Amino acid sequence: MIEVVNMHLVVKTQVTALVKETNKKKGYRVKNVDGSFIPALNQKVLKLVEESVERASLNQRKTLMGKDI
């Protein structure tokens, strides 16, 4: 994976809001998001984007599409 310095695609407030909404819908009781969760999730997102770019390139496209995920 290409190392990207200071690239933050994941926003903690949005993740926290999603956790809260998931708790309501599913009846879960998770209340906190640990400080290590956001960087780990961000790394997964960066890897997913990198893999998607590779797939689009291999298919000779210049546009990322949902099917690249």
C-alpha atoms as a PDB file:
ATOM      1  CA  MET A   1       0.000   0.000   0.000  1.00  0.00           C
ATOM      2  CA  ILE A   2       1.204   3.500  -0.809  1.00  0.00           C
ATOM      3  CA  GLU A   3       1.969   5.457   2.340  1.00  0.00           C
ATOM      4  CA  VAL A   4      -0.100   8.614   2.496  1.00  0.00           C
ATOM      5  CA  VAL A   5       0.907  11.056   5.205  1.00  0.00           C
ATOM      6  CA  ASN A   6      -1.818  13.060   6.952  1.00  0.00           C
ATOM      7  CA  MET A   7      -4.615  11.836   4.656  1.00  0.00           C
ATOM      8  CA  HIS A   8      -7.784  11.583   6.735  1.00  0.00           C
ATOM      9  CA  LEU A   9     -10.826  10.281   4.892  1.00  0.00           C
ATOM     10  CA  VAL A  10     -12.707   9.132   7.989  1.00  0.00           C
ATOM     11  CA  VAL A  11     -14.357  11.784  10.175  1.00  0.00           C
ATOM     12  CA  LYS A  12     -14.730  10.831  13.843  1.00  0.00           C
ATOM     13  CA  THR A  13     -17.927  12.843  14.338  1.00  0.00           C
ATOM     14  CA  GLN A  14     -19.557  11.013  11.432  1.00  0.00           C
ATOM     15  CA  VAL A  15     -18.467   7.613  12.765  1.00  0.00           C
ATOM     16  CA  THR A  16     -19.776   8.516  16.219  1.00  0.00           C
ATOM     17  CA  ALA A  17     -23.108   9.593  14.702  1.00  0.00           C
ATOM     18  CA  LEU A  18     -23.307   6.295  12.791  1.00  0.00           C
ATOM     19  CA  VAL A  19     -22.593   4.333  15.987  1.00  0.00           C
ATOM     20  CA  LYS A  20     -25.369   6.252  17.752  1.00  0.00           C
ATOM     21  CA  GLU A  21     -27.822   5.619  14.885  1.00  0.00           C
ATOM     22  CA  THR A  22     -26.891   1.920  14.747  1.00  0.00           C
ATOM     23  CA  ASN A  23     -27.502   1.670  18.493  1.00  0.00           C
ATOM     24  CA  LYS A  24     -31.009   3.083  18.030  1.00  0.00           C
ATOM     25  CA  LYS A  25     -31.910   0.838  15.100  1.00  0.00           C
ATOM     26  CA  LYS A  26     -30.436  -2.385  16.424  1.00  0.00           C
ATOM     27  CA  GLY A  27     -30.773  -1.883  20.177  1.00  0.00           C
ATOM     28  CA  TYR A  28     -27.006  -2.025  20.786  1.00  0.00           C
ATOM     29  CA  ARG A  29     -25.329  -0.189  23.642  1.00  0.00           C
ATOM     30  CA  VAL A  30     -21.919   0.816  22.266  1.00  0.00           C
ATOM     31  CA  LYS A  31     -21.230   4.318  23.579  1.00  0.00           C
ATOM     32  CA  ASN A  32     -17.639   5.212  22.772  1.00  0.00           C
ATOM     33  CA  VAL A  33     -15.241   5.162  19.844  1.00  0.00           C
ATOM     34  CA  ASP A  34     -11.675   4.410  20.969  1.00  0.00           C
ATOM     35  CA  GLY A  35      -8.885   6.656  19.711  1.00  0.00           C
ATOM     36  CA  SER A  36      -7.273   3.768  17.824  1.00  0.00           C
ATOM     37  CA  PHE A  37     -10.461   2.923  15.890  1.00  0.00           C
ATOM     38  CA  ILE A  38     -10.497   5.946  13.568  1.00  0.00           C
ATOM     39  CA  PRO A  39      -6.888   5.577  12.301  1.00  0.00           C
ATOM     40  CA  ALA A  40      -7.444   1.835  11.756  1.00  0.00           C
ATOM     41  CA  LEU A  41     -10.664   2.507   9.833  1.00  0.00           C
ATOM     42  CA  ASN A  42      -8.938   5.243   7.848  1.00  0.00           C
ATOM     43  CA  GLN A  43      -6.212   2.769   6.798  1.00  0.00           C
ATOM     44  CA  LYS A  44      -8.874   0.325   5.567  1.00  0.00           C
ATOM     45  CA  VAL A  45     -10.557   3.104   3.562  1.00  0.00           C
ATOM     46  CA  LEU A  46      -7.233   4.183   2.034  1.00  0.00           C
ATOM     47  CA  LYS A  47      -6.498   0.576   1.042  1.00  0.00           C
ATOM     48  CA  LEU A  48      -9.979   0.182  -0.448  1.00  0.00           C
ATOM     49  CA  VAL A  49      -9.547   3.336  -2.534  1.00  0.00           C
ATOM     50  CA  GLU A  50      -6.117   2.193  -3.705  1.00  0.00           C
ATOM     51  CA  GLU A  51      -7.501  -1.208  -4.739  1.00  0.00           C
ATOM     52  CA  SER A  52     -10.398   0.480  -6.534  1.00  0.00           C
ATOM     53  CA  VAL A  53      -8.029   2.734  -8.484  1.00  0.00           C
ATOM     54  CA  GLU A  54      -6.020  -0.328  -9.495  1.00  0.00           C
ATOM     55  CA  ARG A  55      -9.162  -2.162 -10.651  1.00  0.00           C
ATOM     56  CA  ALA A  56     -10.390   0.799 -12.706  1.00  0.00           C
ATOM     57  CA  SER A  57      -6.950   1.178 -14.257  1.00  0.00           C
ATOM     58  CA  LEU A  58      -6.769  -2.515 -15.139  1.00  0.00           C
ATOM     59  CA  ASN A  59     -10.146  -2.141 -16.837  1.00  0.00           C
ATOM     60  CA  GLN A  60      -8.790   0.858 -18.761  1.00  0.00           C
ATOM     61  CA  ARG A  61     -11.172   3.331 -17.158  1.00  0.00           C
ATOM     62  CA  LYS A  62     -10.425   6.813 -15.846  1.00  0.00           C
ATOM     63  CA  THR A  63     -13.447   6.898 -13.551  1.00  0.00           C
ATOM     64  CA  LEU A  64     -13.917   5.046 -10.265  1.00  0.00           C
ATOM     65  CA  MET A  65     -17.290   3.314 -10.026  1.00  0.00           C
ATOM     66  CA  GLY A  66     -19.160   1.451  -7.343  1.00  0.00           C
ATOM     67  CA  LYS A  67     -18.289  -1.807  -9.039  1.00  0.00           C
ATOM     68  CA  ASP A  68     -14.596  -1.122  -8.298  1.00  0.00           C
ATOM     69  CA  ILE A  69     -15.282  -1.712  -4.629  1.00  0.00           C
END
